PDB file of N, CA and C in Angstrom:
ATOM      1  N   MET A   1     171.255 108.730 101.127  1.00  0.00           N
ATOM      2  CA  MET A   1     171.593 108.905  99.721  1.00  0.00           C
ATOM      3  C   MET A   1     171.410 110.374  99.362  1.00  0.00           C
ATOM      4  N   SER A   2     172.336 110.896  98.608  1.00  0.00           N
ATOM      5  CA  SER A   2     172.304 112.292  98.183  1.00  0.00           C
ATOM      6  C   SER A   2     171.306 112.496  97.056  1.00  0.00           C
ATOM      7  N   ASP A   3     170.637 113.670  97.036  1.00  0.00           N
ATOM      8  CA  ASP A   3     169.704 113.996  95.963  1.00  0.00           C
ATOM      9  C   ASP A   3     170.397 114.094  94.608  1.00  0.00           C
ATOM     10  N   GLN A   4     171.728 114.272  94.591  1.00  0.00           N
ATOM     11  CA  GLN A   4     172.451 114.412  93.337  1.00  0.00           C
ATOM     12  C   GLN A   4     172.839 113.062  92.737  1.00  0.00           C
ATOM     13  N   GLN A   5     172.740 111.980  93.483  1.00  0.00           N
ATOM     14  CA  GLN A   5     173.075 110.664  92.959  1.00  0.00           C
ATOM     15  C   GLN A   5     171.978 110.190  92.025  1.00  0.00           C
ATOM     16  N   LYS A   6     172.375 109.429  91.020  1.00  0.00           N
ATOM     17  CA  LYS A   6     171.403 108.913  90.074  1.00  0.00           C
ATOM     18  C   LYS A   6     171.156 107.437  90.350  1.00  0.00           C
ATOM     19  N   VAL A   7     169.918 107.017  90.136  1.00  0.00           N
ATOM     20  CA  VAL A   7     169.532 105.621  90.353  1.00  0.00           C
ATOM     21  C   VAL A   7     168.933 105.072  89.056  1.00  0.00           C
ATOM     22  N   PRO A   8     168.947 103.750  88.877  1.00  0.00           N
ATOM     23  CA  PRO A   8     168.413 103.171  87.642  1.00  0.00           C
ATOM     24  C   PRO A   8     166.905 103.325  87.521  1.00  0.00           C
ATOM     25  N   VAL A   9     166.450 103.348  86.267  1.00  0.00           N
ATOM     26  CA  VAL A   9     165.024 103.392  85.949  1.00  0.00           C
ATOM     27  C   VAL A   9     164.668 102.045  85.328  1.00  0.00           C
ATOM     28  N   VAL A  10     163.572 101.451  85.805  1.00  0.00           N
ATOM     29  CA  VAL A  10     163.153 100.134  85.329  1.00  0.00           C
ATOM     30  C   VAL A  10     161.773 100.235  84.696  1.00  0.00           C
ATOM     31  N   GLY A  11     161.683  99.893  83.402  1.00  0.00           N
ATOM     32  CA  GLY A  11     160.414  99.875  82.695  1.00  0.00           C
ATOM     33  C   GLY A  11     160.072 101.211  82.057  1.00  0.00           C
ATOM     34  N   GLY A  12     159.024 101.195  81.232  1.00  0.00           N
ATOM     35  CA  GLY A  12     158.543 102.405  80.587  1.00  0.00           C
ATOM     36  C   GLY A  12     159.527 102.978  79.585  1.00  0.00           C
ATOM     37  N   PRO A  13     159.266 104.205  79.135  1.00  0.00           N
ATOM     38  CA  PRO A  13     160.096 104.820  78.104  1.00  0.00           C
ATOM     39  C   PRO A  13     161.510 105.180  78.565  1.00  0.00           C
ATOM     40  N   LEU A  14     161.754 105.275  79.869  1.00  0.00           N
ATOM     41  CA  LEU A  14     163.088 105.605  80.386  1.00  0.00           C
ATOM     42  C   LEU A  14     163.870 104.371  80.823  1.00  0.00           C
ATOM     43  N   ASP A  15     163.382 103.184  80.495  1.00  0.00           N
ATOM     44  CA  ASP A  15     164.010 101.931  80.913  1.00  0.00           C
ATOM     45  C   ASP A  15     165.493 101.903  80.549  1.00  0.00           C
ATOM     46  N   GLY A  16     166.317 101.523  81.503  1.00  0.00           N
ATOM     47  CA  GLY A  16     167.751 101.408  81.274  1.00  0.00           C
ATOM     48  C   GLY A  16     168.532 102.687  81.514  1.00  0.00           C
ATOM     49  N   LYS A  17     167.846 103.796  81.716  1.00  0.00           N
ATOM     50  CA  LYS A  17     168.526 105.070  81.983  1.00  0.00           C
ATOM     51  C   LYS A  17     168.668 105.265  83.482  1.00  0.00           C
ATOM     52  N   THR A  18     169.357 106.313  83.855  1.00  0.00           N
ATOM     53  CA  THR A  18     169.423 106.690  85.267  1.00  0.00           C
ATOM     54  C   THR A  18     168.725 108.029  85.432  1.00  0.00           C
ATOM     55  N   TRP A  19     168.215 108.270  86.635  1.00  0.00           N
ATOM     56  CA  TRP A  19     167.497 109.505  86.943  1.00  0.00           C
ATOM     57  C   TRP A  19     167.917 109.921  88.345  1.00  0.00           C
ATOM     58  N   PRO A  20     167.980 111.207  88.634  1.00  0.00           N
ATOM     59  CA  PRO A  20     168.399 111.622  89.973  1.00  0.00           C
ATOM     60  C   PRO A  20     167.517 111.031  91.072  1.00  0.00           C
ATOM     61  N   TYR A  21     168.162 110.661  92.167  1.00  0.00           N
ATOM     62  CA  TYR A  21     167.457 110.191  93.353  1.00  0.00           C
ATOM     63  C   TYR A  21     166.604 111.325  93.886  1.00  0.00           C
ATOM     64  N   SER A  22     165.455 110.980  94.419  1.00  0.00           N
ATOM     65  CA  SER A  22     164.583 111.966  95.040  1.00  0.00           C
ATOM     66  C   SER A  22     163.889 111.332  96.219  1.00  0.00           C
ATOM     67  N   SER A  23     163.602 112.123  97.218  1.00  0.00           N
ATOM     68  CA  SER A  23     162.839 111.612  98.357  1.00  0.00           C
ATOM     69  C   SER A  23     161.347 111.566  98.034  1.00  0.00           C
ATOM     70  N   SER A  24     160.977 112.046  96.833  1.00  0.00           N
ATOM     71  CA  SER A  24     159.585 111.963  96.387  1.00  0.00           C
ATOM     72  C   SER A  24     159.216 110.504  96.145  1.00  0.00           C
ATOM     73  N   GLN A  25     157.957 110.195  96.306  1.00  0.00           N
ATOM     74  CA  GLN A  25     157.517 108.828  96.061  1.00  0.00           C
ATOM     75  C   GLN A  25     157.274 108.577  94.575  1.00  0.00           C
ATOM     76  N   PHE A  26     156.814 109.606  93.841  1.00  0.00           N
ATOM     77  CA  PHE A  26     156.474 109.418  92.435  1.00  0.00           C
ATOM     78  C   PHE A  26     157.208 110.402  91.543  1.00  0.00           C
ATOM     79  N   LEU A  27     157.502 109.954  90.329  1.00  0.00           N
ATOM     80  CA  LEU A  27     158.089 110.773  89.278  1.00  0.00           C
ATOM     81  C   LEU A  27     157.106 110.762  88.122  1.00  0.00           C
ATOM     82  N   LEU A  28     156.641 111.943  87.689  1.00  0.00           N
ATOM     83  CA  LEU A  28     155.697 112.047  86.592  1.00  0.00           C
ATOM     84  C   LEU A  28     156.431 112.600  85.374  1.00  0.00           C
ATOM     85  N   VAL A  29     156.399 111.848  84.272  1.00  0.00           N
ATOM     86  CA  VAL A  29     157.127 112.227  83.065  1.00  0.00           C
ATOM     87  C   VAL A  29     156.118 112.484  81.955  1.00  0.00           C
ATOM     88  N   PRO A  30     155.991 113.751  81.483  1.00  0.00           N
ATOM     89  CA  PRO A  30     155.065 114.010  80.381  1.00  0.00           C
ATOM     90  C   PRO A  30     155.555 113.350  79.108  1.00  0.00           C
ATOM     91  N   ASP A  31     154.634 112.903  78.289  1.00  0.00           N
ATOM     92  CA  ASP A  31     154.962 112.223  77.053  1.00  0.00           C
ATOM     93  C   ASP A  31     154.685 113.159  75.892  1.00  0.00           C
ATOM     94  N   GLY A  32     155.709 113.821  75.401  1.00  0.00           N
ATOM     95  CA  GLY A  32     155.564 114.770  74.314  1.00  0.00           C
ATOM     96  C   GLY A  32     155.137 114.123  73.010  1.00  0.00           C
ATOM     97  N   ILE A  33     155.315 112.813  72.875  1.00  0.00           N
ATOM     98  CA  ILE A  33     154.931 112.115  71.648  1.00  0.00           C
ATOM     99  C   ILE A  33     153.406 112.032  71.536  1.00  0.00           C
ATOM    100  N   ASP A  34     152.744 111.840  72.645  1.00  0.00           N
ATOM    101  CA  ASP A  34     151.295 111.670  72.650  1.00  0.00           C
ATOM    102  C   ASP A  34     150.579 112.958  73.022  1.00  0.00           C
ATOM    103  N   THR A  35     150.954 114.071  72.413  1.00  0.00           N
ATOM    104  CA  THR A  35     150.295 115.332  72.743  1.00  0.00           C
ATOM    105  C   THR A  35     149.009 115.479  71.950  1.00  0.00           C
ATOM    106  N   VAL A  36     148.094 116.175  72.520  1.00  0.00           N
ATOM    107  CA  VAL A  36     146.815 116.459  71.886  1.00  0.00           C
ATOM    108  C   VAL A  36     146.557 117.945  72.056  1.00  0.00           C
ATOM    109  N   THR A  37     146.190 118.622  70.988  1.00  0.00           N
ATOM    110  CA  THR A  37     145.846 120.036  71.090  1.00  0.00           C
ATOM    111  C   THR A  37     144.345 120.170  70.913  1.00  0.00           C
ATOM    112  N   VAL A  38     143.712 120.840  71.840  1.00  0.00           N
ATOM    113  CA  VAL A  38     142.265 121.040  71.788  1.00  0.00           C
ATOM    114  C   VAL A  38     141.979 122.532  71.942  1.00  0.00           C
ATOM    115  N   VAL A  39     140.806 122.924  71.554  1.00  0.00           N
ATOM    116  CA  VAL A  39     140.387 124.311  71.735  1.00  0.00           C
ATOM    117  C   VAL A  39     139.296 124.328  72.792  1.00  0.00           C
ATOM    118  N   ARG A  40     139.557 125.064  73.856  1.00  0.00           N
ATOM    119  CA  ARG A  40     138.592 125.219  74.945  1.00  0.00           C
ATOM    120  C   ARG A  40     138.350 126.698  75.150  1.00  0.00           C
ATOM    121  N   ASP A  41     137.118 127.085  75.085  1.00  0.00           N
ATOM    122  CA  ASP A  41     136.749 128.497  75.277  1.00  0.00           C
ATOM    123  C   ASP A  41     137.552 129.416  74.354  1.00  0.00           C
ATOM    124  N   GLY A  42     137.773 128.956  73.121  1.00  0.00           N
ATOM    125  CA  GLY A  42     138.473 129.764  72.137  1.00  0.00           C
ATOM    126  C   GLY A  42     139.982 129.788  72.278  1.00  0.00           C
ATOM    127  N   GLU A  43     140.529 129.007  73.214  1.00  0.00           N
ATOM    128  CA  GLU A  43     141.975 128.998  73.440  1.00  0.00           C
ATOM    129  C   GLU A  43     142.527 127.595  73.181  1.00  0.00           C
ATOM    130  N   ALA A  44     143.627 127.504  72.406  1.00  0.00           N
ATOM    131  CA  ALA A  44     144.254 126.214  72.139  1.00  0.00           C
ATOM    132  C   ALA A  44     145.004 125.756  73.377  1.00  0.00           C
ATOM    133  N   VAL A  45     144.770 124.517  73.770  1.00  0.00           N
ATOM    134  CA  VAL A  45     145.410 123.941  74.950  1.00  0.00           C
ATOM    135  C   VAL A  45     146.072 122.628  74.531  1.00  0.00           C
ATOM    136  N   THR A  46     147.321 122.425  74.917  1.00  0.00           N
ATOM    137  CA  THR A  46     148.010 121.176  74.628  1.00  0.00           C
ATOM    138  C   THR A  46     148.002 120.315  75.878  1.00  0.00           C
ATOM    139  N   LEU A  47     147.565 119.129  75.734  1.00  0.00           N
ATOM    140  CA  LEU A  47     147.513 118.191  76.847  1.00  0.00           C
ATOM    141  C   LEU A  47     148.531 117.086  76.608  1.00  0.00           C
ATOM    142  N   PHE A  48     149.119 116.583  77.658  1.00  0.00           N
ATOM    143  CA  PHE A  48     150.140 115.548  77.554  1.00  0.00           C
ATOM    144  C   PHE A  48     149.679 114.280  78.247  1.00  0.00           C
ATOM    145  N   GLY A  49     150.105 113.163  77.694  1.00  0.00           N
ATOM    146  CA  GLY A  49     149.989 111.907  78.421  1.00  0.00           C
ATOM    147  C   GLY A  49     151.049 111.932  79.511  1.00  0.00           C
ATOM    148  N   GLU A  50     150.954 111.035  80.471  1.00  0.00           N
ATOM    149  CA  GLU A  50     151.872 111.082  81.605  1.00  0.00           C
ATOM    150  C   GLU A  50     152.293 109.682  82.019  1.00  0.00           C
ATOM    151  N   HIS A  51     153.598 109.453  82.050  1.00  0.00           N
ATOM    152  CA  HIS A  51     154.159 108.198  82.543  1.00  0.00           C
ATOM    153  C   HIS A  51     154.474 108.384  84.018  1.00  0.00           C
ATOM    154  N   THR A  52     154.153 107.390  84.836  1.00  0.00           N
ATOM    155  CA  THR A  52     154.386 107.478  86.273  1.00  0.00           C
ATOM    156  C   THR A  52     155.386 106.420  86.706  1.00  0.00           C
ATOM    157  N   TYR A  53     156.367 106.856  87.491  1.00  0.00           N
ATOM    158  CA  TYR A  53     157.360 105.967  88.098  1.00  0.00           C
ATOM    159  C   TYR A  53     157.276 106.119  89.609  1.00  0.00           C
ATOM    160  N   GLU A  54     157.565 105.045  90.331  1.00  0.00           N
ATOM    161  CA  GLU A  54     157.553 105.084  91.783  1.00  0.00           C
ATOM    162  C   GLU A  54     158.942 104.749  92.310  1.00  0.00           C
ATOM    163  N   MET A  55     159.412 105.526  93.304  1.00  0.00           N
ATOM    164  CA  MET A  55     160.709 105.252  93.925  1.00  0.00           C
ATOM    165  C   MET A  55     160.569 104.035  94.828  1.00  0.00           C
ATOM    166  N   LYS A  56     161.418 103.035  94.597  1.00  0.00           N
ATOM    167  CA  LYS A  56     161.408 101.822  95.417  1.00  0.00           C
ATOM    168  C   LYS A  56     162.772 101.672  96.065  1.00  0.00           C
ATOM    169  N   CYS A  57     162.783 101.078  97.232  1.00  0.00           N
ATOM    170  CA  CYS A  57     164.020 100.822  97.961  1.00  0.00           C
ATOM    171  C   CYS A  57     164.020  99.362  98.391  1.00  0.00           C
ATOM    172  N   TYR A  58     165.095  98.651  98.049  1.00  0.00           N
ATOM    173  CA  TYR A  58     165.213  97.236  98.397  1.00  0.00           C
ATOM    174  C   TYR A  58     166.465  97.031  99.241  1.00  0.00           C
ATOM    175  N   ALA A  59     166.369  96.183 100.246  1.00  0.00           N
ATOM    176  CA  ALA A  59     167.537  95.834 101.049  1.00  0.00           C
ATOM    177  C   ALA A  59     168.309  94.753 100.309  1.00  0.00           C
ATOM    178  N   THR A  60     169.568  95.040  99.957  1.00  0.00           N
ATOM    179  CA  THR A  60     170.390  94.048  99.269  1.00  0.00           C
ATOM    180  C   THR A  60     171.230  93.266 100.263  1.00  0.00           C
ATOM    181  N   SER A  61     171.451  93.830 101.418  1.00  0.00           N
ATOM    182  CA  SER A  61     172.111  93.150 102.534  1.00  0.00           C
ATOM    183  C   SER A  61     171.702  93.895 103.793  1.00  0.00           C
ATOM    184  N   GLU A  62     172.260  93.491 104.899  1.00  0.00           N
ATOM    185  CA  GLU A  62     171.863  94.105 106.164  1.00  0.00           C
ATOM    186  C   GLU A  62     172.119  95.606 106.199  1.00  0.00           C
ATOM    187  N   ASN A  63     173.203  96.064 105.547  1.00  0.00           N
ATOM    188  CA  ASN A  63     173.568  97.476 105.610  1.00  0.00           C
ATOM    189  C   ASN A  63     173.444  98.205 104.283  1.00  0.00           C
ATOM    190  N   GLU A  64     173.020  97.527 103.239  1.00  0.00           N
ATOM    191  CA  GLU A  64     172.953  98.163 101.932  1.00  0.00           C
ATOM    192  C   GLU A  64     171.518  98.243 101.429  1.00  0.00           C
ATOM    193  N   ARG A  65     171.235  99.338 100.734  1.00  0.00           N
ATOM    194  CA  ARG A  65     169.916  99.541 100.138  1.00  0.00           C
ATOM    195  C   ARG A  65     170.091  99.860  98.662  1.00  0.00           C
ATOM    196  N   LYS A  66     169.174  99.359  97.844  1.00  0.00           N
ATOM    197  CA  LYS A  66     169.184  99.649  96.416  1.00  0.00           C
ATOM    198  C   LYS A  66     167.927 100.444  96.096  1.00  0.00           C
ATOM    199  N   HIS A  67     168.103 101.650  95.534  1.00  0.00           N
ATOM    200  CA  HIS A  67     166.983 102.489  95.124  1.00  0.00           C
ATOM    201  C   HIS A  67     166.823 102.399  93.616  1.00  0.00           C
ATOM    202  N   GLN A  68     165.589 102.441  93.153  1.00  0.00           N
ATOM    203  CA  GLN A  68     165.328 102.508  91.720  1.00  0.00           C
ATOM    204  C   GLN A  68     163.938 103.061  91.473  1.00  0.00           C
ATOM    205  N   TRP A  69     163.801 103.711  90.304  1.00  0.00           N
ATOM    206  CA  TRP A  69     162.493 104.187  89.850  1.00  0.00           C
ATOM    207  C   TRP A  69     161.850 103.050  89.082  1.00  0.00           C
ATOM    208  N   GLU A  70     160.645 102.632  89.461  1.00  0.00           N
ATOM    209  CA  GLU A  70     159.932 101.548  88.782  1.00  0.00           C
ATOM    210  C   GLU A  70     158.694 102.094  88.090  1.00  0.00           C
ATOM    211  N   TYR A  71     158.488 101.644  86.864  1.00  0.00           N
ATOM    212  CA  TYR A  71     157.368 102.096  86.048  1.00  0.00           C
ATOM    213  C   TYR A  71     156.053 101.617  86.643  1.00  0.00           C
ATOM    214  N   VAL A  72     155.109 102.534  86.812  1.00  0.00           N
ATOM    215  CA  VAL A  72     153.795 102.210  87.364  1.00  0.00           C
ATOM    216  C   VAL A  72     152.754 102.123  86.259  1.00  0.00           C
ATOM    217  N   GLY A  73     152.774 103.082  85.317  1.00  0.00           N
ATOM    218  CA  GLY A  73     151.787 103.055  84.255  1.00  0.00           C
ATOM    219  C   GLY A  73     151.734 104.348  83.472  1.00  0.00           C
ATOM    220  N   TYR A  74     150.788 104.390  82.581  1.00  0.00           N
ATOM    221  CA  TYR A  74     150.619 105.524  81.669  1.00  0.00           C
ATOM    222  C   TYR A  74     149.208 106.050  81.742  1.00  0.00           C
ATOM    223  N   LYS A  75     149.075 107.366  81.826  1.00  0.00           N
ATOM    224  CA  LYS A  75     147.761 108.021  81.806  1.00  0.00           C
ATOM    225  C   LYS A  75     147.688 108.807  80.498  1.00  0.00           C
ATOM    226  N   PRO A  76     146.801 108.429  79.587  1.00  0.00           N
ATOM    227  CA  PRO A  76     146.721 109.110  78.292  1.00  0.00           C
ATOM    228  C   PRO A  76     146.204 110.533  78.425  1.00  0.00           C
ATOM    229  N   PRO A  77     146.470 111.375  77.412  1.00  0.00           N
ATOM    230  CA  PRO A  77     145.952 112.743  77.449  1.00  0.00           C
ATOM    231  C   PRO A  77     144.431 112.754  77.407  1.00  0.00           C
ATOM    232  N   LYS A  78     143.843 113.719  78.089  1.00  0.00           N
ATOM    233  CA  LYS A  78     142.371 113.838  78.083  1.00  0.00           C
ATOM    234  C   LYS A  78     141.979 115.072  77.298  1.00  0.00           C
ATOM    235  N   PRO A  79     141.216 114.878  76.241  1.00  0.00           N
ATOM    236  CA  PRO A  79     140.781 116.031  75.444  1.00  0.00           C
ATOM    237  C   PRO A  79     139.741 116.869  76.187  1.00  0.00           C
TER     238      PRO A  79
END
């Protein structure tokens, strides 16, 4: 499968969309809605929550494979 091909996304905030295929096992998507700004050592820092998707491959027949990004979970921002 080419890196330029798009595969379906299942679950989470990107459910129903397509995302480019990748040979990576995980896709990490920052959640701009759940941002938190904190001050550490006098400097403002913005932290993001993170949605995680995992690339899955299923055999649909002897010669065909179906790839999709599946939602794994959400890691909230840490102040």
